[in-house]
Amino acid sequence: MENSVDKYWTIRLRAVQENLARNNFDAYVAASVADAKHLVMNEIMPPLAVKTVGFGGSMTLKETGIYDALCESTELRVFRSDLSAQSAEDKIEVRRKSLLVDIFFTGTNALVADGTLVNLDMIGNRVAALSFGPKYVVVVVGRNKIVEDLESAMERIKEYVAPINAMRLSMKTPCATTAECADCQSSQRICNTWAINEKSFPKKRIIVVLVNEDLGF
């Protein structure tokens, strides 16, 4: 039986799904990470007949098992920038090639309830892919990423997501020490390029999978 928290979020996610559809996104709701993985691998991917796959850094993709499933596929050419043997130059080159793949997978820093994706990047590969390049983009979103307006989305990213990412990546930034944004001038600053996707163009190029679980941060 669905508990009251999950029921609440099911209703909220359906409303967000409708708003995303009005904004020309292709949108789905998954009840769990297992359902999200099945949806991506068995319903979304096959009709698109894709051959090449790229990624934006995303804890959500790893938590759902989607990242590992794609990397383990023998039918896809997967561009990965997280291999320990890669030099910094190799990683950048992989990210550049990932902008021309058939399908690009990423999470999102925040999703406004009206159906707007909001992201802030250090390098810019995620926000670039969302805007142009890959034929399709799949964005997997946990329910915890949903906010009420653009101001809340930007505050969430600057005051919560960015400090946690800086800590996770061992960046030498003020927020990694204080847990507060200082709008710093650090050479390792991870907050450099914003993308606000209010619509998907072409229609349904960006596919959003809403998951009724807390994922990423």
N, C-alpha and C. Protein backbone atom coordinates (compact mmCIF):
# COMPACT_ATOMS: atom_id res chain seq x y z
N MET A 1 0.85 -1.19 0.00
CA MET A 1 0.00 0.00 0.00
C MET A 1 0.89 1.25 0.00
N GLU A 2 0.50 2.23 -0.81
CA GLU A 2 1.27 3.47 -0.91
C GLU A 2 1.11 4.28 0.38
N ASN A 3 2.25 4.67 0.99
CA ASN A 3 2.15 5.46 2.21
C ASN A 3 1.77 6.91 1.88
N SER A 4 1.47 7.68 2.91
CA SER A 4 0.95 9.03 2.69
C SER A 4 1.98 9.95 2.05
N VAL A 5 3.26 9.78 2.38
CA VAL A 5 4.30 10.61 1.77
C VAL A 5 4.40 10.32 0.28
N ASP A 6 4.45 9.04 -0.07
CA ASP A 6 4.53 8.67 -1.48
C ASP A 6 3.27 9.10 -2.24
N LYS A 7 2.12 8.99 -1.58
CA LYS A 7 0.87 9.42 -2.22
C LYS A 7 0.89 10.91 -2.50
N TYR A 8 1.37 11.68 -1.50
CA TYR A 8 1.48 13.13 -1.68
C TYR A 8 2.35 13.44 -2.90
N TRP A 9 3.52 12.76 -2.97
CA TRP A 9 4.44 13.06 -4.07
C TRP A 9 3.95 12.53 -5.41
N THR A 10 3.18 11.47 -5.39
CA THR A 10 2.59 10.99 -6.65
C THR A 10 1.70 12.08 -7.25
N ILE A 11 0.89 12.71 -6.42
CA ILE A 11 0.02 13.79 -6.89
C ILE A 11 0.85 14.97 -7.38
N ARG A 12 1.87 15.37 -6.61
CA ARG A 12 2.72 16.49 -6.99
C ARG A 12 3.46 16.20 -8.30
N LEU A 13 3.99 14.99 -8.42
CA LEU A 13 4.77 14.63 -9.61
C LEU A 13 3.89 14.60 -10.87
N ARG A 14 2.67 14.15 -10.72
CA ARG A 14 1.75 14.15 -11.88
C ARG A 14 1.49 15.58 -12.35
N ALA A 15 1.35 16.50 -11.41
CA ALA A 15 1.13 17.91 -11.78
C ALA A 15 2.36 18.47 -12.47
N VAL A 16 3.55 18.16 -11.97
CA VAL A 16 4.79 18.62 -12.62
C VAL A 16 4.92 17.99 -14.00
N GLN A 17 4.56 16.73 -14.12
CA GLN A 17 4.60 16.05 -15.42
C GLN A 17 3.73 16.79 -16.45
N GLU A 18 2.54 17.19 -16.03
CA GLU A 18 1.66 17.92 -16.93
C GLU A 18 2.27 19.26 -17.34
N ASN A 19 2.90 19.93 -16.40
CA ASN A 19 3.54 21.21 -16.72
C ASN A 19 4.72 21.03 -17.67
N LEU A 20 5.49 19.99 -17.46
CA LEU A 20 6.60 19.70 -18.37
C LEU A 20 6.08 19.42 -19.78
N ALA A 21 5.01 18.66 -19.87
CA ALA A 21 4.43 18.36 -21.19
C ALA A 21 3.95 19.63 -21.88
N ARG A 22 3.38 20.55 -21.12
CA ARG A 22 2.95 21.83 -21.70
C ARG A 22 4.14 22.63 -22.20
N ASN A 23 5.30 22.38 -21.61
CA ASN A 23 6.52 23.07 -22.02
C ASN A 23 7.32 22.31 -23.08
N ASN A 24 6.66 21.31 -23.69
CA ASN A 24 7.22 20.54 -24.80
C ASN A 24 8.28 19.53 -24.40
N PHE A 25 8.41 19.26 -23.10
CA PHE A 25 9.26 18.16 -22.66
C PHE A 25 8.47 16.85 -22.78
N ASP A 26 9.17 15.75 -22.96
CA ASP A 26 8.56 14.43 -22.82
C ASP A 26 8.77 14.03 -21.37
N ALA A 27 7.72 13.73 -20.65
CA ALA A 27 7.85 13.54 -19.20
C ALA A 27 7.18 12.26 -18.74
N TYR A 28 7.84 11.58 -17.79
CA TYR A 28 7.36 10.33 -17.23
C TYR A 28 7.45 10.40 -15.70
N VAL A 29 6.65 9.58 -15.05
CA VAL A 29 6.73 9.44 -13.60
C VAL A 29 7.03 7.99 -13.27
N ALA A 30 8.06 7.77 -12.44
CA ALA A 30 8.42 6.43 -11.99
C ALA A 30 8.21 6.34 -10.48
N ALA A 31 7.64 5.25 -10.02
CA ALA A 31 7.31 5.10 -8.60
C ALA A 31 8.54 4.81 -7.74
N SER A 32 9.62 4.33 -8.37
CA SER A 32 10.82 3.95 -7.61
C SER A 32 12.03 3.99 -8.53
N VAL A 33 13.21 3.82 -7.94
CA VAL A 33 14.43 3.79 -8.77
C VAL A 33 14.40 2.58 -9.69
N ALA A 34 13.87 1.47 -9.22
CA ALA A 34 13.79 0.28 -10.07
C ALA A 34 12.89 0.54 -11.28
N ASP A 35 11.76 1.21 -11.03
CA ASP A 35 10.85 1.54 -12.13
C ASP A 35 11.50 2.53 -13.09
N ALA A 36 12.28 3.47 -12.56
CA ALA A 36 12.95 4.45 -13.41
C ALA A 36 13.95 3.77 -14.33
N LYS A 37 14.72 2.87 -13.78
CA LYS A 37 15.70 2.13 -14.59
C LYS A 37 15.01 1.32 -15.68
N HIS A 38 13.95 0.62 -15.31
CA HIS A 38 13.20 -0.17 -16.30
C HIS A 38 12.63 0.73 -17.39
N LEU A 39 12.07 1.84 -16.99
CA LEU A 39 11.48 2.79 -17.93
C LEU A 39 12.51 3.27 -18.94
N VAL A 40 13.69 3.65 -18.46
CA VAL A 40 14.74 4.16 -19.35
C VAL A 40 15.23 3.07 -20.29
N MET A 41 15.56 1.92 -19.74
CA MET A 41 16.21 0.88 -20.53
C MET A 41 15.25 0.13 -21.46
N ASN A 42 13.99 0.03 -21.08
CA ASN A 42 13.06 -0.82 -21.83
C ASN A 42 11.96 -0.08 -22.58
N GLU A 43 11.71 1.18 -22.21
CA GLU A 43 10.64 1.91 -22.87
C GLU A 43 11.13 3.16 -23.59
N ILE A 44 12.03 3.90 -22.97
CA ILE A 44 12.49 5.15 -23.59
C ILE A 44 13.56 4.90 -24.64
N MET A 45 14.55 4.10 -24.31
CA MET A 45 15.70 3.90 -25.20
C MET A 45 15.37 3.17 -26.51
N PRO A 46 14.70 2.02 -26.49
CA PRO A 46 14.54 1.23 -27.73
C PRO A 46 13.94 1.97 -28.92
N PRO A 47 12.85 2.73 -28.76
CA PRO A 47 12.29 3.41 -29.93
C PRO A 47 13.21 4.47 -30.55
N LEU A 48 14.15 4.98 -29.76
CA LEU A 48 15.04 6.04 -30.26
C LEU A 48 16.18 5.48 -31.10
N ALA A 49 16.44 4.18 -30.99
CA ALA A 49 17.47 3.50 -31.78
C ALA A 49 18.82 4.21 -31.70
N VAL A 50 19.22 4.55 -30.48
CA VAL A 50 20.46 5.28 -30.29
C VAL A 50 21.65 4.33 -30.26
N LYS A 51 22.81 4.87 -30.64
CA LYS A 51 24.05 4.08 -30.67
C LYS A 51 25.13 4.65 -29.77
N THR A 52 25.08 5.95 -29.50
CA THR A 52 26.12 6.59 -28.69
C THR A 52 25.50 7.29 -27.49
N VAL A 53 26.21 7.24 -26.36
CA VAL A 53 25.69 7.76 -25.09
C VAL A 53 26.75 8.60 -24.40
N GLY A 54 26.32 9.73 -23.83
CA GLY A 54 27.19 10.57 -23.02
C GLY A 54 26.52 10.91 -21.71
N PHE A 55 27.30 11.47 -20.79
CA PHE A 55 26.78 11.75 -19.45
C PHE A 55 27.22 13.12 -18.95
N GLY A 56 26.36 13.72 -18.13
CA GLY A 56 26.76 14.81 -17.26
C GLY A 56 26.90 14.21 -15.87
N GLY A 57 27.79 14.76 -15.06
CA GLY A 57 27.98 14.21 -13.72
C GLY A 57 26.68 14.19 -12.94
N SER A 58 26.32 13.03 -12.39
CA SER A 58 25.02 12.91 -11.71
C SER A 58 25.04 11.78 -10.71
N MET A 59 24.86 12.10 -9.45
CA MET A 59 24.70 11.08 -8.43
C MET A 59 23.38 10.33 -8.63
N THR A 60 22.37 11.03 -9.13
CA THR A 60 21.07 10.41 -9.35
C THR A 60 21.17 9.25 -10.33
N LEU A 61 21.92 9.44 -11.43
CA LEU A 61 22.06 8.36 -12.41
C LEU A 61 22.71 7.13 -11.78
N LYS A 62 23.65 7.34 -10.89
CA LYS A 62 24.31 6.22 -10.23
C LYS A 62 23.39 5.55 -9.22
N GLU A 63 22.64 6.35 -8.49
CA GLU A 63 21.74 5.79 -7.47
C GLU A 63 20.61 4.98 -8.08
N THR A 64 20.19 5.32 -9.28
CA THR A 64 19.12 4.57 -9.94
C THR A 64 19.62 3.31 -10.64
N GLY A 65 20.95 3.19 -10.80
CA GLY A 65 21.50 2.06 -11.53
C GLY A 65 21.52 2.27 -13.04
N ILE A 66 21.02 3.40 -13.49
CA ILE A 66 20.97 3.68 -14.93
C ILE A 66 22.37 3.85 -15.50
N TYR A 67 23.23 4.52 -14.75
CA TYR A 67 24.60 4.75 -15.22
C TYR A 67 25.32 3.43 -15.47
N ASP A 68 25.30 2.54 -14.49
CA ASP A 68 25.98 1.26 -14.64
C ASP A 68 25.38 0.42 -15.76
N ALA A 69 24.05 0.43 -15.88
CA ALA A 69 23.39 -0.35 -16.92
C ALA A 69 23.82 0.10 -18.31
N LEU A 70 23.92 1.40 -18.50
CA LEU A 70 24.34 1.93 -19.80
C LEU A 70 25.81 1.62 -20.07
N CYS A 71 26.65 1.77 -19.05
CA CYS A 71 28.08 1.50 -19.22
C CYS A 71 28.35 0.03 -19.52
N GLU A 72 27.50 -0.84 -19.01
CA GLU A 72 27.68 -2.29 -19.20
C GLU A 72 27.09 -2.79 -20.51
N SER A 73 26.36 -1.94 -21.22
CA SER A 73 25.73 -2.36 -22.48
C SER A 73 26.79 -2.68 -23.54
N THR A 74 26.58 -3.76 -24.26
CA THR A 74 27.48 -4.14 -25.36
C THR A 74 26.99 -3.60 -26.70
N GLU A 75 25.84 -2.94 -26.67
CA GLU A 75 25.24 -2.44 -27.92
C GLU A 75 25.43 -0.94 -28.09
N LEU A 76 26.01 -0.30 -27.09
CA LEU A 76 26.15 1.16 -27.13
C LEU A 76 27.62 1.56 -27.05
N ARG A 77 27.96 2.65 -27.72
CA ARG A 77 29.26 3.27 -27.54
C ARG A 77 29.10 4.35 -26.47
N VAL A 78 29.75 4.15 -25.34
CA VAL A 78 29.55 5.02 -24.18
C VAL A 78 30.77 5.89 -23.96
N PHE A 79 30.55 7.18 -23.86
CA PHE A 79 31.63 8.13 -23.59
C PHE A 79 31.65 8.43 -22.09
N ARG A 80 32.73 8.01 -21.43
CA ARG A 80 32.86 8.18 -19.98
C ARG A 80 34.05 9.08 -19.67
N SER A 81 33.85 9.96 -18.71
CA SER A 81 34.95 10.85 -18.30
C SER A 81 35.35 10.61 -16.84
N ASP A 82 34.99 9.44 -16.31
CA ASP A 82 35.25 9.16 -14.89
C ASP A 82 36.25 8.02 -14.70
N LEU A 83 36.99 7.67 -15.74
CA LEU A 83 37.94 6.58 -15.63
C LEU A 83 39.25 7.08 -15.02
N SER A 84 39.76 6.34 -14.06
CA SER A 84 40.93 6.80 -13.30
C SER A 84 42.17 6.97 -14.16
N ALA A 85 42.27 6.21 -15.25
CA ALA A 85 43.47 6.27 -16.10
C ALA A 85 43.47 7.48 -17.02
N GLN A 86 42.35 8.19 -17.09
CA GLN A 86 42.26 9.32 -18.00
C GLN A 86 43.00 10.54 -17.46
N SER A 87 43.71 11.22 -18.35
CA SER A 87 44.32 12.50 -17.98
C SER A 87 43.25 13.58 -18.00
N ALA A 88 43.58 14.75 -17.47
CA ALA A 88 42.64 15.87 -17.49
C ALA A 88 42.26 16.22 -18.91
N GLU A 89 43.25 16.16 -19.82
CA GLU A 89 42.98 16.47 -21.23
C GLU A 89 42.05 15.43 -21.85
N ASP A 90 42.24 14.17 -21.48
CA ASP A 90 41.37 13.11 -21.99
C ASP A 90 39.93 13.30 -21.53
N LYS A 91 39.78 13.69 -20.27
CA LYS A 91 38.43 13.89 -19.73
C LYS A 91 37.71 15.02 -20.48
N ILE A 92 38.42 16.09 -20.76
CA ILE A 92 37.82 17.21 -21.49
C ILE A 92 37.43 16.76 -22.89
N GLU A 93 38.28 15.99 -23.54
CA GLU A 93 37.98 15.53 -24.89
C GLU A 93 36.75 14.63 -24.91
N VAL A 94 36.62 13.77 -23.91
CA VAL A 94 35.43 12.92 -23.82
C VAL A 94 34.18 13.77 -23.64
N ARG A 95 34.28 14.80 -22.81
CA ARG A 95 33.13 15.68 -22.60
C ARG A 95 32.76 16.41 -23.88
N ARG A 96 33.73 16.79 -24.67
CA ARG A 96 33.45 17.45 -25.95
C ARG A 96 32.74 16.48 -26.91
N LYS A 97 33.23 15.26 -26.98
CA LYS A 97 32.60 14.26 -27.85
C LYS A 97 31.19 13.93 -27.39
N SER A 98 30.97 14.02 -26.09
CA SER A 98 29.65 13.70 -25.55
C SER A 98 28.58 14.70 -25.98
N LEU A 99 28.99 15.83 -26.48
CA LEU A 99 28.01 16.83 -26.94
C LEU A 99 27.44 16.48 -28.31
N LEU A 100 27.98 15.43 -28.94
CA LEU A 100 27.50 15.02 -30.26
C LEU A 100 26.93 13.60 -30.26
N VAL A 101 26.60 13.09 -29.09
CA VAL A 101 26.07 11.73 -29.00
C VAL A 101 24.59 11.69 -29.39
N ASP A 102 24.09 10.48 -29.55
CA ASP A 102 22.66 10.31 -29.84
C ASP A 102 21.81 10.66 -28.62
N ILE A 103 22.30 10.28 -27.43
CA ILE A 103 21.51 10.53 -26.23
C ILE A 103 22.44 10.85 -25.06
N PHE A 104 22.10 11.88 -24.33
CA PHE A 104 22.91 12.38 -23.21
C PHE A 104 22.09 12.27 -21.94
N PHE A 105 22.68 11.68 -20.91
CA PHE A 105 21.98 11.49 -19.63
C PHE A 105 22.55 12.42 -18.58
N THR A 106 21.68 13.00 -17.78
CA THR A 106 22.11 13.87 -16.70
C THR A 106 21.02 13.93 -15.64
N GLY A 107 21.36 14.54 -14.51
CA GLY A 107 20.36 14.90 -13.52
C GLY A 107 20.07 16.38 -13.68
N THR A 108 19.47 16.96 -12.67
CA THR A 108 19.26 18.41 -12.67
C THR A 108 19.46 18.93 -11.26
N ASN A 109 19.92 20.15 -11.15
CA ASN A 109 20.12 20.74 -9.82
C ASN A 109 18.80 21.13 -9.17
N ALA A 110 17.84 21.55 -9.99
CA ALA A 110 16.53 21.92 -9.47
C ALA A 110 15.51 21.86 -10.60
N LEU A 111 14.28 21.59 -10.24
CA LEU A 111 13.17 21.57 -11.19
C LEU A 111 12.03 22.39 -10.59
N VAL A 112 11.71 23.50 -11.23
CA VAL A 112 10.60 24.33 -10.76
C VAL A 112 9.29 23.61 -11.07
N ALA A 113 8.35 23.72 -10.18
CA ALA A 113 7.08 23.00 -10.32
C ALA A 113 6.33 23.36 -11.60
N ASP A 114 6.64 24.53 -12.18
CA ASP A 114 5.98 24.92 -13.43
C ASP A 114 6.59 24.23 -14.65
N GLY A 115 7.62 23.39 -14.43
CA GLY A 115 8.22 22.65 -15.53
C GLY A 115 9.45 23.30 -16.12
N THR A 116 10.26 23.97 -15.30
CA THR A 116 11.49 24.62 -15.74
C THR A 116 12.69 23.95 -15.10
N LEU A 117 13.67 23.56 -15.92
CA LEU A 117 14.90 22.97 -15.42
C LEU A 117 15.91 24.07 -15.13
N VAL A 118 16.60 23.96 -13.99
CA VAL A 118 17.58 24.97 -13.60
C VAL A 118 18.87 24.26 -13.20
N ASN A 119 19.98 24.67 -13.83
CA ASN A 119 21.27 24.03 -13.57
C ASN A 119 22.40 25.05 -13.55
N LEU A 120 23.43 24.71 -12.78
CA LEU A 120 24.62 25.55 -12.66
C LEU A 120 25.85 24.65 -12.74
N ASP A 121 26.75 24.97 -13.68
CA ASP A 121 27.89 24.11 -13.98
C ASP A 121 29.23 24.77 -13.70
N MET A 122 30.22 23.93 -13.45
CA MET A 122 31.61 24.40 -13.40
C MET A 122 32.20 24.46 -14.81
N ILE A 123 32.18 23.31 -15.50
CA ILE A 123 32.79 23.21 -16.83
C ILE A 123 31.83 23.68 -17.91
N GLY A 124 30.56 23.31 -17.78
CA GLY A 124 29.56 23.73 -18.76
C GLY A 124 29.07 22.65 -19.68
N ASN A 125 29.60 21.43 -19.52
CA ASN A 125 29.19 20.37 -20.45
C ASN A 125 27.73 19.97 -20.26
N ARG A 126 27.25 19.94 -19.02
CA ARG A 126 25.84 19.57 -18.80
C ARG A 126 24.90 20.61 -19.39
N VAL A 127 25.17 21.88 -19.08
CA VAL A 127 24.25 22.92 -19.54
C VAL A 127 24.34 23.08 -21.06
N ALA A 128 25.52 22.81 -21.63
CA ALA A 128 25.64 22.87 -23.08
C ALA A 128 24.79 21.78 -23.73
N ALA A 129 24.87 20.57 -23.20
CA ALA A 129 24.12 19.45 -23.76
C ALA A 129 22.62 19.66 -23.65
N LEU A 130 22.18 20.24 -22.54
CA LEU A 130 20.76 20.53 -22.40
C LEU A 130 20.26 21.50 -23.45
N SER A 131 21.12 22.42 -23.84
CA SER A 131 20.72 23.47 -24.77
C SER A 131 20.81 23.04 -26.23
N PHE A 132 21.89 22.32 -26.58
CA PHE A 132 22.10 21.96 -27.99
C PHE A 132 23.21 20.92 -28.09
N GLY A 133 23.10 20.05 -29.09
CA GLY A 133 24.17 19.08 -29.34
C GLY A 133 23.64 17.68 -29.48
N PRO A 134 23.46 16.96 -28.37
CA PRO A 134 22.93 15.59 -28.45
C PRO A 134 21.54 15.58 -29.08
N LYS A 135 21.24 14.48 -29.79
CA LYS A 135 19.91 14.37 -30.40
C LYS A 135 18.82 14.36 -29.33
N TYR A 136 19.09 13.65 -28.24
CA TYR A 136 18.14 13.56 -27.14
C TYR A 136 18.88 13.75 -25.81
N VAL A 137 18.17 14.27 -24.83
CA VAL A 137 18.70 14.39 -23.48
C VAL A 137 17.69 13.78 -22.51
N VAL A 138 18.17 12.89 -21.64
CA VAL A 138 17.31 12.32 -20.60
C VAL A 138 17.74 12.89 -19.26
N VAL A 139 16.80 13.50 -18.56
CA VAL A 139 17.06 14.10 -17.26
C VAL A 139 16.30 13.29 -16.21
N VAL A 140 17.03 12.69 -15.29
CA VAL A 140 16.40 11.89 -14.23
C VAL A 140 16.37 12.73 -12.96
N VAL A 141 15.19 12.84 -12.36
CA VAL A 141 14.98 13.82 -11.28
C VAL A 141 14.31 13.17 -10.08
N GLY A 142 14.95 13.25 -8.93
CA GLY A 142 14.31 12.83 -7.69
C GLY A 142 13.33 13.89 -7.20
N ARG A 143 12.35 13.48 -6.42
CA ARG A 143 11.29 14.40 -5.96
C ARG A 143 11.85 15.54 -5.10
N ASN A 144 13.00 15.31 -4.48
CA ASN A 144 13.60 16.33 -3.61
C ASN A 144 14.14 17.53 -4.38
N LYS A 145 14.22 17.44 -5.71
CA LYS A 145 14.75 18.55 -6.51
C LYS A 145 13.68 19.57 -6.88
N ILE A 146 12.42 19.27 -6.57
CA ILE A 146 11.33 20.14 -6.99
C ILE A 146 11.17 21.33 -6.04
N VAL A 147 11.09 22.52 -6.63
CA VAL A 147 10.93 23.77 -5.87
C VAL A 147 9.77 24.56 -6.48
N GLU A 148 9.37 25.62 -5.78
CA GLU A 148 8.16 26.34 -6.20
C GLU A 148 8.40 27.43 -7.24
N ASP A 149 9.60 28.02 -7.27
CA ASP A 149 9.82 29.11 -8.22
C ASP A 149 11.30 29.21 -8.56
N LEU A 150 11.61 30.07 -9.53
CA LEU A 150 12.98 30.20 -10.00
C LEU A 150 13.91 30.70 -8.90
N GLU A 151 13.45 31.64 -8.10
CA GLU A 151 14.28 32.16 -7.02
C GLU A 151 14.66 31.05 -6.05
N SER A 152 13.71 30.19 -5.72
CA SER A 152 13.98 29.06 -4.82
C SER A 152 14.96 28.08 -5.46
N ALA A 153 14.83 27.88 -6.77
CA ALA A 153 15.75 26.99 -7.48
C ALA A 153 17.18 27.48 -7.39
N MET A 154 17.36 28.77 -7.64
CA MET A 154 18.71 29.34 -7.63
C MET A 154 19.28 29.36 -6.21
N GLU A 155 18.44 29.62 -5.24
CA GLU A 155 18.90 29.59 -3.85
C GLU A 155 19.29 28.18 -3.44
N ARG A 156 18.48 27.21 -3.84
CA ARG A 156 18.79 25.81 -3.53
C ARG A 156 20.16 25.42 -4.08
N ILE A 157 20.41 25.83 -5.31
CA ILE A 157 21.65 25.45 -5.97
C ILE A 157 22.86 26.11 -5.31
N LYS A 158 22.76 27.42 -5.09
CA LYS A 158 23.91 28.16 -4.55
C LYS A 158 24.18 27.83 -3.08
N GLU A 159 23.12 27.65 -2.30
CA GLU A 159 23.29 27.52 -0.86
C GLU A 159 23.32 26.07 -0.37
N TYR A 160 22.93 25.13 -1.22
CA TYR A 160 22.87 23.73 -0.78
C TYR A 160 23.64 22.80 -1.73
N VAL A 161 23.23 22.79 -3.00
CA VAL A 161 23.83 21.86 -3.96
C VAL A 161 25.31 22.15 -4.17
N ALA A 162 25.66 23.39 -4.42
CA ALA A 162 27.04 23.73 -4.72
C ALA A 162 28.00 23.43 -3.57
N PRO A 163 27.69 23.83 -2.34
CA PRO A 163 28.60 23.47 -1.25
C PRO A 163 28.80 21.96 -1.10
N ILE A 164 27.72 21.19 -1.23
CA ILE A 164 27.85 19.73 -1.11
C ILE A 164 28.71 19.18 -2.23
N ASN A 165 28.52 19.66 -3.45
CA ASN A 165 29.35 19.20 -4.56
C ASN A 165 30.80 19.59 -4.37
N ALA A 166 31.04 20.79 -3.86
CA ALA A 166 32.41 21.23 -3.61
C ALA A 166 33.08 20.33 -2.58
N MET A 167 32.33 19.97 -1.55
CA MET A 167 32.86 19.05 -0.53
C MET A 167 33.12 17.67 -1.14
N ARG A 168 32.16 17.19 -1.92
CA ARG A 168 32.28 15.85 -2.52
C ARG A 168 33.49 15.75 -3.43
N LEU A 169 33.79 16.83 -4.13
CA LEU A 169 34.89 16.85 -5.09
C LEU A 169 36.20 17.37 -4.49
N SER A 170 36.18 17.64 -3.18
CA SER A 170 37.37 18.13 -2.47
C SER A 170 37.92 19.41 -3.09
N MET A 171 37.01 20.31 -3.45
CA MET A 171 37.41 21.58 -4.04
C MET A 171 37.87 22.56 -2.96
N LYS A 172 38.84 23.38 -3.31
CA LYS A 172 39.34 24.40 -2.38
C LYS A 172 38.57 25.69 -2.59
N THR A 173 37.34 25.66 -2.07
CA THR A 173 36.46 26.82 -2.16
C THR A 173 35.96 27.16 -0.77
N PRO A 174 35.58 28.41 -0.52
CA PRO A 174 35.06 28.77 0.81
C PRO A 174 33.87 27.91 1.24
N CYS A 175 32.96 27.63 0.31
CA CYS A 175 31.75 26.90 0.68
C CYS A 175 32.04 25.48 1.14
N ALA A 176 33.15 24.91 0.69
CA ALA A 176 33.52 23.56 1.11
C ALA A 176 33.92 23.53 2.58
N THR A 177 34.24 24.69 3.12
CA THR A 177 34.63 24.81 4.53
C THR A 177 33.49 25.35 5.39
N THR A 178 32.76 26.34 4.86
CA THR A 178 31.75 27.02 5.67
C THR A 178 30.33 26.53 5.42
N ALA A 179 30.12 25.78 4.30
CA ALA A 179 28.79 25.33 3.89
C ALA A 179 27.89 26.50 3.50
N GLU A 180 28.49 27.64 3.17
CA GLU A 180 27.73 28.81 2.73
C GLU A 180 28.38 29.39 1.47
N CYS A 181 27.55 29.89 0.56
CA CYS A 181 28.07 30.50 -0.66
C CYS A 181 28.70 31.85 -0.32
N ALA A 182 29.93 32.05 -0.85
CA ALA A 182 30.63 33.32 -0.65
C ALA A 182 30.79 34.07 -1.97
N ASP A 183 30.11 33.56 -3.02
CA ASP A 183 30.29 34.12 -4.37
C ASP A 183 31.79 34.33 -4.63
N CYS A 184 32.54 33.25 -4.48
CA CYS A 184 33.99 33.31 -4.38
C CYS A 184 34.68 33.58 -5.72
N GLN A 185 35.97 33.84 -5.61
CA GLN A 185 36.84 34.03 -6.77
C GLN A 185 37.85 32.89 -6.87
N SER A 186 37.57 31.79 -6.23
CA SER A 186 38.49 30.65 -6.24
C SER A 186 38.69 30.11 -7.64
N SER A 187 39.90 29.66 -7.93
CA SER A 187 40.19 29.03 -9.23
C SER A 187 39.47 27.70 -9.36
N GLN A 188 38.99 27.14 -8.24
CA GLN A 188 38.25 25.88 -8.26
C GLN A 188 36.75 26.09 -8.08
N ARG A 189 36.31 27.32 -8.23
CA ARG A 189 34.87 27.63 -8.14
C ARG A 189 34.10 26.71 -9.08
N ILE A 190 33.01 26.12 -8.60
CA ILE A 190 32.23 25.23 -9.44
C ILE A 190 30.96 25.88 -9.97
N CYS A 191 30.72 27.13 -9.62
CA CYS A 191 29.51 27.85 -10.04
C CYS A 191 29.87 28.85 -11.13
N ASN A 192 29.79 28.45 -12.37
CA ASN A 192 30.25 29.31 -13.46
C ASN A 192 29.20 29.60 -14.54
N THR A 193 28.43 28.61 -14.91
CA THR A 193 27.52 28.78 -16.04
C THR A 193 26.12 28.27 -15.72
N TRP A 194 25.14 29.16 -15.84
CA TRP A 194 23.74 28.79 -15.60
C TRP A 194 23.06 28.35 -16.89
N ALA A 195 22.07 27.47 -16.73
CA ALA A 195 21.14 27.16 -17.82
C ALA A 195 19.75 27.06 -17.23
N ILE A 196 18.82 27.77 -17.84
CA ILE A 196 17.41 27.72 -17.44
C ILE A 196 16.63 27.26 -18.66
N ASN A 197 16.16 26.02 -18.62
CA ASN A 197 15.42 25.45 -19.75
C ASN A 197 13.92 25.54 -19.46
N GLU A 198 13.28 26.55 -20.05
CA GLU A 198 11.85 26.74 -19.86
C GLU A 198 11.03 25.86 -20.79
N LYS A 199 11.59 25.53 -21.93
CA LYS A 199 10.92 24.70 -22.94
C LYS A 199 11.93 23.73 -23.54
N SER A 200 11.41 22.70 -24.18
CA SER A 200 12.26 21.80 -24.96
C SER A 200 12.06 22.11 -26.44
N PHE A 201 13.19 22.33 -27.13
CA PHE A 201 13.14 22.51 -28.57
C PHE A 201 14.26 21.70 -29.19
N PRO A 202 13.93 20.85 -30.17
CA PRO A 202 12.58 20.54 -30.65
C PRO A 202 11.73 19.87 -29.56
N LYS A 203 10.44 19.83 -29.83
CA LYS A 203 9.51 19.22 -28.89
C LYS A 203 9.93 17.79 -28.58
N LYS A 204 9.97 17.46 -27.31
CA LYS A 204 10.30 16.13 -26.79
C LYS A 204 11.76 15.74 -27.00
N ARG A 205 12.61 16.69 -27.37
CA ARG A 205 14.05 16.38 -27.41
C ARG A 205 14.56 16.08 -26.00
N ILE A 206 14.09 16.84 -25.02
CA ILE A 206 14.47 16.61 -23.63
C ILE A 206 13.40 15.75 -22.96
N ILE A 207 13.86 14.64 -22.41
CA ILE A 207 12.98 13.66 -21.77
C ILE A 207 13.25 13.70 -20.27
N VAL A 208 12.22 13.95 -19.49
CA VAL A 208 12.38 14.07 -18.04
C VAL A 208 11.70 12.89 -17.35
N VAL A 209 12.47 12.19 -16.51
CA VAL A 209 11.94 11.08 -15.74
C VAL A 209 11.88 11.50 -14.27
N LEU A 210 10.67 11.68 -13.77
CA LEU A 210 10.44 12.08 -12.38
C LEU A 210 10.34 10.82 -11.53
N VAL A 211 11.13 10.75 -10.46
CA VAL A 211 11.17 9.56 -9.63
C VAL A 211 10.63 9.87 -8.24
N ASN A 212 9.72 9.05 -7.77
CA ASN A 212 9.09 9.28 -6.47
C ASN A 212 9.98 8.76 -5.33
N GLU A 213 11.21 9.23 -5.33
CA GLU A 213 12.17 8.97 -4.25
C GLU A 213 13.10 10.17 -4.17
N ASP A 214 13.74 10.35 -3.03
CA ASP A 214 14.77 11.38 -2.89
C ASP A 214 16.07 10.84 -3.50
N LEU A 215 16.63 11.60 -4.44
CA LEU A 215 17.83 11.15 -5.15
C LEU A 215 18.82 12.29 -5.29
N GLY A 216 20.11 11.97 -5.18
CA GLY A 216 21.10 13.03 -5.32
C GLY A 216 20.94 14.05 -4.21
N PHE A 217 21.32 15.29 -4.53
CA PHE A 217 21.18 16.36 -3.55
C PHE A 217 21.04 17.70 -4.24
